[in-house]
Amino acid sequence: MLILVYVDDIMVATNDEEEKKKLFDDLDTAYGIKDQGLLTQYLGIEVAQTDDSVTINQSKYAREILETFGYSQAHSEPD
């Protein structure tokens, strides 16, 4: 089991559903923390999961940077 904690963001990765359930039962009892299902985002990183893979990307973050600096409508030029 892998548990990542950053301030108030918690990620749990495991292939043992029984252990995960016990962990979240304990966290719920002690702190009111509940299992929110499959991870879709962690620390601004988007996460997509299938049975075979986990894919992460920061496209939302990249779009926000472009918008912040006024480049959201910019186009690339061919070489």
PDB file of N, CA and C in Angstrom:
ATOM      1  N   MET A   1       0.846  -1.168   0.000  1.00  0.00           N
ATOM      2  CA  MET A   1       0.000   0.000   0.000  1.00  0.00           C
ATOM      3  C   MET A   1       0.894   1.234   0.000  1.00  0.00           C
ATOM      4  N   LEU A   2       0.549   2.187  -0.845  1.00  0.00           N
ATOM      5  CA  LEU A   2       1.264   3.455  -0.931  1.00  0.00           C
ATOM      6  C   LEU A   2       0.307   4.551  -0.495  1.00  0.00           C
ATOM      7  N   ILE A   3       0.731   5.372   0.467  1.00  0.00           N
ATOM      8  CA  ILE A   3      -0.094   6.472   0.954  1.00  0.00           C
ATOM      9  C   ILE A   3       0.705   7.757   0.796  1.00  0.00           C
ATOM     10  N   LEU A   4       0.154   8.709   0.047  1.00  0.00           N
ATOM     11  CA  LEU A   4       0.777  10.018  -0.125  1.00  0.00           C
ATOM     12  C   LEU A   4      -0.091  11.061   0.562  1.00  0.00           C
ATOM     13  N   VAL A   5       0.533  11.900   1.378  1.00  0.00           N
ATOM     14  CA  VAL A   5      -0.201  12.953   2.073  1.00  0.00           C
ATOM     15  C   VAL A   5       0.511  14.270   1.832  1.00  0.00           C
ATOM     16  N   TYR A   6      -0.240  15.264   1.372  1.00  0.00           N
ATOM     17  CA  TYR A   6       0.291  16.613   1.221  1.00  0.00           C
ATOM     18  C   TYR A   6      -0.768  17.558   1.774  1.00  0.00           C
ATOM     19  N   VAL A   7      -0.507  18.133   2.915  1.00  0.00           N
ATOM     20  CA  VAL A   7      -1.420  19.018   3.642  1.00  0.00           C
ATOM     21  C   VAL A   7      -2.760  18.303   3.845  1.00  0.00           C
ATOM     22  N   ASP A   8      -3.779  18.631   3.049  1.00  0.00           N
ATOM     23  CA  ASP A   8      -5.080  17.975   3.220  1.00  0.00           C
ATOM     24  C   ASP A   8      -5.450  17.094   2.033  1.00  0.00           C
ATOM     25  N   ASP A   9      -4.478  16.763   1.196  1.00  0.00           N
ATOM     26  CA  ASP A   9      -4.705  15.862   0.062  1.00  0.00           C
ATOM     27  C   ASP A   9      -4.079  14.505   0.374  1.00  0.00           C
ATOM     28  N   ILE A  10      -4.880  13.459   0.259  1.00  0.00           N
ATOM     29  CA  ILE A  10      -4.415  12.105   0.542  1.00  0.00           C
ATOM     30  C   ILE A  10      -4.669  11.231  -0.673  1.00  0.00           C
ATOM     31  N   MET A  11      -3.655  10.448  -1.053  1.00  0.00           N
ATOM     32  CA  MET A  11      -3.811   9.476  -2.128  1.00  0.00           C
ATOM     33  C   MET A  11      -3.393   8.112  -1.594  1.00  0.00           C
ATOM     34  N   VAL A  12      -4.201   7.108  -1.877  1.00  0.00           N
ATOM     35  CA  VAL A  12      -3.893   5.743  -1.467  1.00  0.00           C
ATOM     36  C   VAL A  12      -3.880   4.869  -2.710  1.00  0.00           C
ATOM     37  N   ALA A  13      -2.802   4.127  -2.897  1.00  0.00           N
ATOM     38  CA  ALA A  13      -2.700   3.185  -4.016  1.00  0.00           C
ATOM     39  C   ALA A  13      -2.461   1.796  -3.439  1.00  0.00           C
ATOM     40  N   THR A  14      -3.331   0.867  -3.811  1.00  0.00           N
ATOM     41  CA  THR A  14      -3.193  -0.501  -3.312  1.00  0.00           C
ATOM     42  C   THR A  14      -3.960  -1.462  -4.204  1.00  0.00           C
ATOM     43  N   ASN A  15      -3.575  -2.709  -4.151  1.00  0.00           N
ATOM     44  CA  ASN A  15      -4.352  -3.738  -4.838  1.00  0.00           C
ATOM     45  C   ASN A  15      -5.100  -4.608  -3.831  1.00  0.00           C
ATOM     46  N   ASP A  16      -5.095  -4.189  -2.570  1.00  0.00           N
ATOM     47  CA  ASP A  16      -5.781  -4.919  -1.502  1.00  0.00           C
ATOM     48  C   ASP A  16      -6.974  -4.094  -1.016  1.00  0.00           C
ATOM     49  N   GLU A  17      -8.140  -4.366  -1.576  1.00  0.00           N
ATOM     50  CA  GLU A  17      -9.342  -3.593  -1.245  1.00  0.00           C
ATOM     51  C   GLU A  17      -9.724  -3.717   0.229  1.00  0.00           C
ATOM     52  N   GLU A  18      -9.479  -4.867   0.822  1.00  0.00           N
ATOM     53  CA  GLU A  18      -9.815  -5.062   2.233  1.00  0.00           C
ATOM     54  C   GLU A  18      -8.973  -4.155   3.130  1.00  0.00           C
ATOM     55  N   GLU A  19      -7.669  -4.070   2.849  1.00  0.00           N
ATOM     56  CA  GLU A  19      -6.791  -3.187   3.623  1.00  0.00           C
ATOM     57  C   GLU A  19      -7.172  -1.720   3.415  1.00  0.00           C
ATOM     58  N   LYS A  20      -7.522  -1.358   2.173  1.00  0.00           N
ATOM     59  CA  LYS A  20      -7.929   0.022   1.901  1.00  0.00           C
ATOM     60  C   LYS A  20      -9.196   0.363   2.679  1.00  0.00           C
ATOM     61  N   LYS A  21     -10.147  -0.548   2.699  1.00  0.00           N
ATOM     62  CA  LYS A  21     -11.389  -0.315   3.441  1.00  0.00           C
ATOM     63  C   LYS A  21     -11.100  -0.132   4.924  1.00  0.00           C
ATOM     64  N   LYS A  22     -10.222  -0.973   5.486  1.00  0.00           N
ATOM     65  CA  LYS A  22      -9.861  -0.838   6.900  1.00  0.00           C
ATOM     66  C   LYS A  22      -9.200   0.508   7.161  1.00  0.00           C
ATOM     67  N   LEU A  23      -8.286   0.915   6.289  1.00  0.00           N
ATOM     68  CA  LEU A  23      -7.621   2.206   6.445  1.00  0.00           C
ATOM     69  C   LEU A  23      -8.646   3.334   6.470  1.00  0.00           C
ATOM     70  N   PHE A  24      -9.564   3.353   5.492  1.00  0.00           N
ATOM     71  CA  PHE A  24     -10.533   4.442   5.437  1.00  0.00           C
ATOM     72  C   PHE A  24     -11.563   4.366   6.558  1.00  0.00           C
ATOM     73  N   ASP A  25     -11.868   3.176   7.038  1.00  0.00           N
ATOM     74  CA  ASP A  25     -12.730   3.069   8.217  1.00  0.00           C
ATOM     75  C   ASP A  25     -12.058   3.736   9.410  1.00  0.00           C
ATOM     76  N   ASP A  26     -10.756   3.470   9.589  1.00  0.00           N
ATOM     77  CA  ASP A  26     -10.002   4.089  10.684  1.00  0.00           C
ATOM     78  C   ASP A  26      -9.900   5.601  10.500  1.00  0.00           C
ATOM     79  N   LEU A  27      -9.615   6.056   9.269  1.00  0.00           N
ATOM     80  CA  LEU A  27      -9.518   7.496   9.007  1.00  0.00           C
ATOM     81  C   LEU A  27     -10.859   8.189   9.214  1.00  0.00           C
ATOM     82  N   ASP A  28     -11.934   7.525   8.839  1.00  0.00           N
ATOM     83  CA  ASP A  28     -13.267   8.092   9.031  1.00  0.00           C
ATOM     84  C   ASP A  28     -13.583   8.221  10.516  1.00  0.00           C
ATOM     85  N   THR A  29     -13.273   7.185  11.275  1.00  0.00           N
ATOM     86  CA  THR A  29     -13.530   7.215  12.716  1.00  0.00           C
ATOM     87  C   THR A  29     -12.729   8.321  13.399  1.00  0.00           C
ATOM     88  N   ALA A  30     -11.461   8.437  13.046  1.00  0.00           N
ATOM     89  CA  ALA A  30     -10.580   9.398  13.715  1.00  0.00           C
ATOM     90  C   ALA A  30     -10.744  10.827  13.210  1.00  0.00           C
ATOM     91  N   TYR A  31     -10.934  10.995  11.879  1.00  0.00           N
ATOM     92  CA  TYR A  31     -10.877  12.337  11.305  1.00  0.00           C
ATOM     93  C   TYR A  31     -12.043  12.687  10.381  1.00  0.00           C
ATOM     94  N   GLY A  32     -12.955  11.766  10.162  1.00  0.00           N
ATOM     95  CA  GLY A  32     -14.070  12.034   9.249  1.00  0.00           C
ATOM     96  C   GLY A  32     -13.668  12.012   7.785  1.00  0.00           C
ATOM     97  N   ILE A  33     -12.549  11.343   7.470  1.00  0.00           N
ATOM     98  CA  ILE A  33     -12.061  11.259   6.090  1.00  0.00           C
ATOM     99  C   ILE A  33     -12.677  10.042   5.418  1.00  0.00           C
ATOM    100  N   LYS A  34     -13.254  10.250   4.242  1.00  0.00           N
ATOM    101  CA  LYS A  34     -13.935   9.174   3.519  1.00  0.00           C
ATOM    102  C   LYS A  34     -13.219   8.867   2.202  1.00  0.00           C
ATOM    103  N   ASP A  35     -13.355   7.625   1.756  1.00  0.00           N
ATOM    104  CA  ASP A  35     -12.842   7.207   0.450  1.00  0.00           C
ATOM    105  C   ASP A  35     -13.697   7.869  -0.623  1.00  0.00           C
ATOM    106  N   GLN A  36     -13.072   8.592  -1.543  1.00  0.00           N
ATOM    107  CA  GLN A  36     -13.810   9.291  -2.594  1.00  0.00           C
ATOM    108  C   GLN A  36     -13.722   8.572  -3.934  1.00  0.00           C
ATOM    109  N   GLY A  37     -13.364   7.308  -3.916  1.00  0.00           N
ATOM    110  CA  GLY A  37     -13.344   6.520  -5.144  1.00  0.00           C
ATOM    111  C   GLY A  37     -12.056   6.682  -5.927  1.00  0.00           C
ATOM    112  N   LEU A  38     -12.135   6.334  -7.209  1.00  0.00           N
ATOM    113  CA  LEU A  38     -10.953   6.414  -8.070  1.00  0.00           C
ATOM    114  C   LEU A  38     -10.431   7.842  -8.151  1.00  0.00           C
ATOM    115  N   LEU A  39      -9.133   7.960  -8.128  1.00  0.00           N
ATOM    116  CA  LEU A  39      -8.466   9.250  -8.207  1.00  0.00           C
ATOM    117  C   LEU A  39      -8.636   9.848  -9.595  1.00  0.00           C
ATOM    118  N   THR A  40      -9.079  11.098  -9.666  1.00  0.00           N
ATOM    119  CA  THR A  40      -9.180  11.801 -10.945  1.00  0.00           C
ATOM    120  C   THR A  40      -8.264  13.015 -10.985  1.00  0.00           C
ATOM    121  N   GLN A  41      -7.844  13.491  -9.802  1.00  0.00           N
ATOM    122  CA  GLN A  41      -6.953  14.644  -9.730  1.00  0.00           C
ATOM    123  C   GLN A  41      -6.211  14.595  -8.400  1.00  0.00           C
ATOM    124  N   TYR A  42      -4.917  14.951  -8.426  1.00  0.00           N
ATOM    125  CA  TYR A  42      -4.126  15.023  -7.200  1.00  0.00           C
ATOM    126  C   TYR A  42      -3.108  16.130  -7.360  1.00  0.00           C
ATOM    127  N   LEU A  43      -3.170  17.121  -6.489  1.00  0.00           N
ATOM    128  CA  LEU A  43      -2.258  18.265  -6.506  1.00  0.00           C
ATOM    129  C   LEU A  43      -2.214  18.934  -7.879  1.00  0.00           C
ATOM    130  N   GLY A  44      -3.361  19.070  -8.516  1.00  0.00           N
ATOM    131  CA  GLY A  44      -3.442  19.734  -9.810  1.00  0.00           C
ATOM    132  C   GLY A  44      -3.095  18.860 -10.997  1.00  0.00           C
ATOM    133  N   ILE A  45      -2.733  17.620 -10.758  1.00  0.00           N
ATOM    134  CA  ILE A  45      -2.407  16.690 -11.839  1.00  0.00           C
ATOM    135  C   ILE A  45      -3.637  15.841 -12.129  1.00  0.00           C
ATOM    136  N   GLU A  46      -4.036  15.801 -13.400  1.00  0.00           N
ATOM    137  CA  GLU A  46      -5.190  15.001 -13.787  1.00  0.00           C
ATOM    138  C   GLU A  46      -4.769  13.540 -13.930  1.00  0.00           C
ATOM    139  N   VAL A  47      -5.625  12.631 -13.471  1.00  0.00           N
ATOM    140  CA  VAL A  47      -5.323  11.203 -13.464  1.00  0.00           C
ATOM    141  C   VAL A  47      -6.447  10.451 -14.167  1.00  0.00           C
ATOM    142  N   ALA A  48      -6.094   9.603 -15.126  1.00  0.00           N
ATOM    143  CA  ALA A  48      -7.063   8.737 -15.806  1.00  0.00           C
ATOM    144  C   ALA A  48      -6.619   7.295 -15.601  1.00  0.00           C
ATOM    145  N   GLN A  49      -7.557   6.442 -15.201  1.00  0.00           N
ATOM    146  CA  GLN A  49      -7.212   5.058 -14.892  1.00  0.00           C
ATOM    147  C   GLN A  49      -8.048   4.080 -15.705  1.00  0.00           C
ATOM    148  N   THR A  50      -7.395   3.005 -16.144  1.00  0.00           N
ATOM    149  CA  THR A  50      -8.086   1.870 -16.756  1.00  0.00           C
ATOM    150  C   THR A  50      -7.610   0.620 -16.029  1.00  0.00           C
ATOM    151  N   ASP A  51      -8.102  -0.523 -16.435  1.00  0.00           N
ATOM    152  CA  ASP A  51      -7.630  -1.773 -15.831  1.00  0.00           C
ATOM    153  C   ASP A  51      -6.156  -2.020 -16.114  1.00  0.00           C
ATOM    154  N   ASP A  52      -5.642  -1.459 -17.225  1.00  0.00           N
ATOM    155  CA  ASP A  52      -4.273  -1.724 -17.659  1.00  0.00           C
ATOM    156  C   ASP A  52      -3.280  -0.607 -17.390  1.00  0.00           C
ATOM    157  N   SER A  53      -3.772   0.611 -17.121  1.00  0.00           N
ATOM    158  CA  SER A  53      -2.824   1.721 -17.038  1.00  0.00           C
ATOM    159  C   SER A  53      -3.345   2.873 -16.190  1.00  0.00           C
ATOM    160  N   VAL A  54      -2.398   3.729 -15.832  1.00  0.00           N
ATOM    161  CA  VAL A  54      -2.702   4.999 -15.179  1.00  0.00           C
ATOM    162  C   VAL A  54      -1.987   6.070 -15.988  1.00  0.00           C
ATOM    163  N   THR A  55      -2.725   7.094 -16.410  1.00  0.00           N
ATOM    164  CA  THR A  55      -2.155   8.180 -17.198  1.00  0.00           C
ATOM    165  C   THR A  55      -2.312   9.477 -16.420  1.00  0.00           C
ATOM    166  N   ILE A  56      -1.234  10.261 -16.350  1.00  0.00           N
ATOM    167  CA  ILE A  56      -1.311  11.558 -15.681  1.00  0.00           C
ATOM    168  C   ILE A  56      -0.942  12.645 -16.678  1.00  0.00           C
ATOM    169  N   ASN A  57      -1.549  13.823 -16.506  1.00  0.00           N
ATOM    170  CA  ASN A  57      -1.195  14.957 -17.354  1.00  0.00           C
ATOM    171  C   ASN A  57      -1.497  16.253 -16.631  1.00  0.00           C
ATOM    172  N   GLN A  58      -0.935  17.326 -17.151  1.00  0.00           N
ATOM    173  CA  GLN A  58      -1.137  18.652 -16.579  1.00  0.00           C
ATOM    174  C   GLN A  58      -1.680  19.617 -17.627  1.00  0.00           C
ATOM    175  N   SER A  59      -2.529  19.126 -18.526  1.00  0.00           N
ATOM    176  CA  SER A  59      -3.044  19.992 -19.587  1.00  0.00           C
ATOM    177  C   SER A  59      -3.879  21.140 -19.025  1.00  0.00           C
ATOM    178  N   LYS A  60      -4.642  20.896 -17.975  1.00  0.00           N
ATOM    179  CA  LYS A  60      -5.429  21.973 -17.357  1.00  0.00           C
ATOM    180  C   LYS A  60      -4.494  23.061 -16.827  1.00  0.00           C
ATOM    181  N   TYR A  61      -3.419  22.655 -16.171  1.00  0.00           N
ATOM    182  CA  TYR A  61      -2.438  23.596 -15.643  1.00  0.00           C
ATOM    183  C   TYR A  61      -1.788  24.394 -16.777  1.00  0.00           C
ATOM    184  N   ALA A  62      -1.446  23.723 -17.870  1.00  0.00           N
ATOM    185  CA  ALA A  62      -0.838  24.404 -19.020  1.00  0.00           C
ATOM    186  C   ALA A  62      -1.801  25.432 -19.606  1.00  0.00           C
ATOM    187  N   ARG A  63      -3.087  25.070 -19.733  1.00  0.00           N
ATOM    188  CA  ARG A  63      -4.084  26.028 -20.240  1.00  0.00           C
ATOM    189  C   ARG A  63      -4.200  27.241 -19.329  1.00  0.00           C
ATOM    190  N   GLU A  64      -4.170  27.013 -18.015  1.00  0.00           N
ATOM    191  CA  GLU A  64      -4.257  28.124 -17.062  1.00  0.00           C
ATOM    192  C   GLU A  64      -3.066  29.066 -17.203  1.00  0.00           C
ATOM    193  N   ILE A  65      -1.878  28.522 -17.427  1.00  0.00           N
ATOM    194  CA  ILE A  65      -0.693  29.365 -17.627  1.00  0.00           C
ATOM    195  C   ILE A  65      -0.855  30.194 -18.894  1.00  0.00           C
ATOM    196  N   LEU A  66      -1.297  29.570 -19.989  1.00  0.00           N
ATOM    197  CA  LEU A  66      -1.508  30.301 -21.240  1.00  0.00           C
ATOM    198  C   LEU A  66      -2.525  31.414 -21.059  1.00  0.00           C
ATOM    199  N   GLU A  67      -3.613  31.138 -20.348  1.00  0.00           N
ATOM    200  CA  GLU A  67      -4.629  32.163 -20.112  1.00  0.00           C
ATOM    201  C   GLU A  67      -4.085  33.292 -19.254  1.00  0.00           C
ATOM    202  N   THR A  68      -3.323  32.961 -18.228  1.00  0.00           N
ATOM    203  CA  THR A  68      -2.754  33.968 -17.335  1.00  0.00           C
ATOM    204  C   THR A  68      -1.892  34.966 -18.099  1.00  0.00           C
ATOM    205  N   PHE A  69      -1.128  34.488 -19.072  1.00  0.00           N
ATOM    206  CA  PHE A  69      -0.215  35.356 -19.807  1.00  0.00           C
ATOM    207  C   PHE A  69      -0.756  35.790 -21.162  1.00  0.00           C
ATOM    208  N   GLY A  70      -2.057  35.566 -21.396  1.00  0.00           N
ATOM    209  CA  GLY A  70      -2.700  36.063 -22.608  1.00  0.00           C
ATOM    210  C   GLY A  70      -2.383  35.293 -23.873  1.00  0.00           C
ATOM    211  N   TYR A  71      -2.014  34.040 -23.757  1.00  0.00           N
ATOM    212  CA  TYR A  71      -1.668  33.246 -24.932  1.00  0.00           C
ATOM    213  C   TYR A  71      -2.674  32.134 -25.229  1.00  0.00           C
ATOM    214  N   SER A  72      -3.862  32.202 -24.647  1.00  0.00           N
ATOM    215  CA  SER A  72      -4.813  31.103 -24.821  1.00  0.00           C
ATOM    216  C   SER A  72      -5.324  30.985 -26.253  1.00  0.00           C
ATOM    217  N   GLN A  73      -5.238  32.058 -27.036  1.00  0.00           N
ATOM    218  CA  GLN A  73      -5.688  32.019 -28.430  1.00  0.00           C
ATOM    219  C   GLN A  73      -4.519  31.964 -29.417  1.00  0.00           C
ATOM    220  N   ALA A  74      -3.306  31.784 -28.911  1.00  0.00           N
ATOM    221  CA  ALA A  74      -2.119  31.756 -29.774  1.00  0.00           C
ATOM    222  C   ALA A  74      -2.093  30.483 -30.618  1.00  0.00           C
ATOM    223  N   HIS A  75      -1.471  30.569 -31.784  1.00  0.00           N
ATOM    224  CA  HIS A  75      -1.328  29.426 -32.689  1.00  0.00           C
ATOM    225  C   HIS A  75       0.144  29.236 -33.012  1.00  0.00           C
ATOM    226  N   SER A  76       0.549  28.003 -33.218  1.00  0.00           N
ATOM    227  CA  SER A  76       1.938  27.746 -33.580  1.00  0.00           C
ATOM    228  C   SER A  76       2.148  28.068 -35.053  1.00  0.00           C
ATOM    229  N   GLU A  77       3.382  28.350 -35.403  1.00  0.00           N
ATOM    230  CA  GLU A  77       3.757  28.638 -36.789  1.00  0.00           C
ATOM    231  C   GLU A  77       4.491  27.431 -37.346  1.00  0.00           C
ATOM    232  N   PRO A  78       4.232  27.073 -38.591  1.00  0.00           N
ATOM    233  CA  PRO A  78       4.971  25.950 -39.184  1.00  0.00           C
ATOM    234  C   PRO A  78       6.444  26.303 -39.349  1.00  0.00           C
ATOM    235  N   ASP A  79       7.289  25.283 -39.351  1.00  0.00           N
ATOM    236  CA  ASP A  79       8.742  25.500 -39.521  1.00  0.00           C
ATOM    237  C   ASP A  79       9.062  25.975 -40.912  1.00  0.00           C
TER     238      ASP A  79
END
